[in-house]
Amino acid sequence: MAAPNYNYEKRQRELAKKKKKEEKLKEREGRKNSPDGDATQDDQKPGGSPPNL
């Protein structure tokens, strides 16, 4: 049986983390630079509006 290649697995995890971090940064920059930046954040307000009962 072949031994697992831990260096390859670690490198893949590092690349995935780097890609995710870059995507988050790109998304933040897009929100910051958009003329209607508050519109995307309305859905993420803590609490929000009370439910209609």
N, C-alpha and C. Protein backbone atom coordinates (compact mmCIF):
# COMPACT_ATOMS: atom_id res chain seq x y z
N MET A 1 0.84 -1.18 0.00
CA MET A 1 0.00 0.00 0.00
C MET A 1 0.89 1.25 0.00
N ALA A 2 0.50 2.25 -0.79
CA ALA A 2 1.28 3.47 -0.90
C ALA A 2 1.06 4.36 0.32
N ALA A 3 2.11 5.04 0.72
CA ALA A 3 2.03 5.96 1.86
C ALA A 3 1.32 7.24 1.43
N PRO A 4 0.52 7.82 2.32
CA PRO A 4 -0.16 9.07 1.98
C PRO A 4 0.84 10.22 1.81
N ASN A 5 0.55 11.09 0.88
CA ASN A 5 1.41 12.24 0.61
C ASN A 5 0.87 13.43 1.39
N TYR A 6 1.36 13.60 2.61
CA TYR A 6 0.86 14.65 3.49
C TYR A 6 1.22 16.04 2.98
N ASN A 7 2.36 16.17 2.33
CA ASN A 7 2.75 17.48 1.80
C ASN A 7 1.76 17.95 0.74
N TYR A 8 1.32 17.04 -0.10
CA TYR A 8 0.35 17.38 -1.14
C TYR A 8 -0.98 17.82 -0.50
N GLU A 9 -1.44 17.05 0.48
CA GLU A 9 -2.70 17.37 1.15
C GLU A 9 -2.62 18.73 1.84
N LYS A 10 -1.51 19.00 2.50
CA LYS A 10 -1.33 20.29 3.18
C LYS A 10 -1.34 21.43 2.17
N ARG A 11 -0.65 21.25 1.06
CA ARG A 11 -0.60 22.28 0.02
C ARG A 11 -2.00 22.55 -0.54
N GLN A 12 -2.78 21.51 -0.72
CA GLN A 12 -4.14 21.69 -1.23
C GLN A 12 -4.99 22.48 -0.23
N ARG A 13 -4.84 22.19 1.07
CA ARG A 13 -5.58 22.93 2.10
C ARG A 13 -5.16 24.40 2.11
N GLU A 14 -3.85 24.64 1.99
CA GLU A 14 -3.36 26.01 1.97
C GLU A 14 -3.89 26.77 0.76
N LEU A 15 -3.91 26.13 -0.39
CA LEU A 15 -4.43 26.78 -1.59
C LEU A 15 -5.92 27.08 -1.46
N ALA A 16 -6.67 26.17 -0.84
CA ALA A 16 -8.10 26.39 -0.64
C ALA A 16 -8.33 27.57 0.30
N LYS A 17 -7.55 27.65 1.36
CA LYS A 17 -7.68 28.77 2.30
C LYS A 17 -7.36 30.09 1.61
N LYS A 18 -6.29 30.09 0.82
CA LYS A 18 -5.87 31.30 0.12
C LYS A 18 -6.96 31.76 -0.86
N LYS A 19 -7.54 30.81 -1.58
CA LYS A 19 -8.58 31.14 -2.55
C LYS A 19 -9.80 31.72 -1.84
N LYS A 20 -10.19 31.10 -0.73
CA LYS A 20 -11.35 31.58 0.02
C LYS A 20 -11.11 32.99 0.56
N LYS A 21 -9.90 33.22 1.06
CA LYS A 21 -9.56 34.54 1.60
C LYS A 21 -9.61 35.61 0.51
N GLU A 22 -9.08 35.28 -0.67
CA GLU A 22 -9.10 36.22 -1.79
C GLU A 22 -10.53 36.52 -2.23
N GLU A 23 -11.39 35.50 -2.25
CA GLU A 23 -12.79 35.71 -2.64
C GLU A 23 -13.49 36.63 -1.64
N LYS A 24 -13.22 36.42 -0.34
CA LYS A 24 -13.83 37.28 0.67
C LYS A 24 -13.37 38.72 0.50
N LEU A 25 -12.07 38.90 0.27
CA LEU A 25 -11.52 40.24 0.11
C LEU A 25 -12.13 40.92 -1.11
N LYS A 26 -12.27 40.17 -2.19
CA LYS A 26 -12.85 40.70 -3.42
C LYS A 26 -14.31 41.12 -3.18
N GLU A 27 -15.05 40.28 -2.44
CA GLU A 27 -16.44 40.58 -2.13
C GLU A 27 -16.55 41.85 -1.28
N ARG A 28 -15.69 41.97 -0.28
CA ARG A 28 -15.69 43.17 0.57
C ARG A 28 -15.40 44.42 -0.24
N GLU A 29 -14.39 44.34 -1.12
CA GLU A 29 -14.05 45.49 -1.95
C GLU A 29 -15.22 45.86 -2.86
N GLY A 30 -15.90 44.85 -3.38
CA GLY A 30 -17.05 45.11 -4.25
C GLY A 30 -18.16 45.82 -3.49
N ARG A 31 -18.40 45.41 -2.26
CA ARG A 31 -19.43 46.06 -1.46
C ARG A 31 -19.02 47.48 -1.09
N LYS A 32 -17.74 47.66 -0.78
CA LYS A 32 -17.25 48.97 -0.38
C LYS A 32 -17.35 49.96 -1.53
N ASN A 33 -17.01 49.51 -2.73
CA ASN A 33 -16.95 50.39 -3.89
C ASN A 33 -18.27 50.53 -4.62
N SER A 34 -19.27 49.73 -4.27
CA SER A 34 -20.54 49.82 -4.97
C SER A 34 -21.27 51.09 -4.55
N PRO A 35 -21.97 51.74 -5.46
CA PRO A 35 -22.69 52.98 -5.11
C PRO A 35 -23.82 52.72 -4.13
N ASP A 36 -24.34 51.49 -4.11
CA ASP A 36 -25.45 51.16 -3.22
C ASP A 36 -24.99 50.08 -2.24
N GLY A 37 -23.91 50.35 -1.52
CA GLY A 37 -23.29 49.37 -0.64
C GLY A 37 -24.18 48.92 0.50
N ASP A 38 -25.07 49.78 0.99
CA ASP A 38 -25.93 49.42 2.11
C ASP A 38 -27.01 48.42 1.73
N ALA A 39 -27.36 48.35 0.47
CA ALA A 39 -28.45 47.47 0.04
C ALA A 39 -28.11 46.00 0.29
N THR A 40 -26.85 45.62 0.14
CA THR A 40 -26.49 44.22 0.33
C THR A 40 -26.38 43.88 1.80
N GLN A 41 -26.21 44.88 2.66
CA GLN A 41 -26.04 44.62 4.07
C GLN A 41 -27.36 44.62 4.83
N ASP A 42 -28.45 45.04 4.20
CA ASP A 42 -29.75 45.08 4.88
C ASP A 42 -30.19 43.69 5.32
N ASP A 43 -29.88 42.68 4.54
CA ASP A 43 -30.28 41.31 4.88
C ASP A 43 -29.47 40.76 6.04
N GLN A 44 -28.33 41.35 6.34
CA GLN A 44 -27.44 40.80 7.34
C GLN A 44 -27.48 41.55 8.66
N LYS A 45 -28.44 42.48 8.83
CA LYS A 45 -28.54 43.22 10.09
C LYS A 45 -28.94 42.27 11.22
N PRO A 46 -28.27 42.38 12.37
CA PRO A 46 -28.67 41.55 13.50
C PRO A 46 -30.05 41.98 14.01
N GLY A 47 -30.86 41.03 14.34
CA GLY A 47 -32.19 41.34 14.84
C GLY A 47 -33.19 41.46 13.71
N GLY A 48 -32.94 42.39 12.81
CA GLY A 48 -33.83 42.58 11.68
C GLY A 48 -35.20 43.10 12.13
N SER A 49 -36.18 43.00 11.27
CA SER A 49 -37.52 43.43 11.64
C SER A 49 -38.23 42.29 12.36
N PRO A 50 -39.17 42.62 13.25
CA PRO A 50 -39.89 41.57 13.97
C PRO A 50 -40.77 40.77 13.01
N PRO A 51 -40.96 39.51 13.26
CA PRO A 51 -41.80 38.69 12.37
C PRO A 51 -43.26 39.13 12.46
N ASN A 52 -43.95 39.00 11.33
CA ASN A 52 -45.37 39.35 11.30
C ASN A 52 -46.18 38.20 11.87
N LEU A 53 -46.86 38.48 12.96
CA LEU A 53 -47.66 37.43 13.60
C LEU A 53 -49.11 37.63 13.35
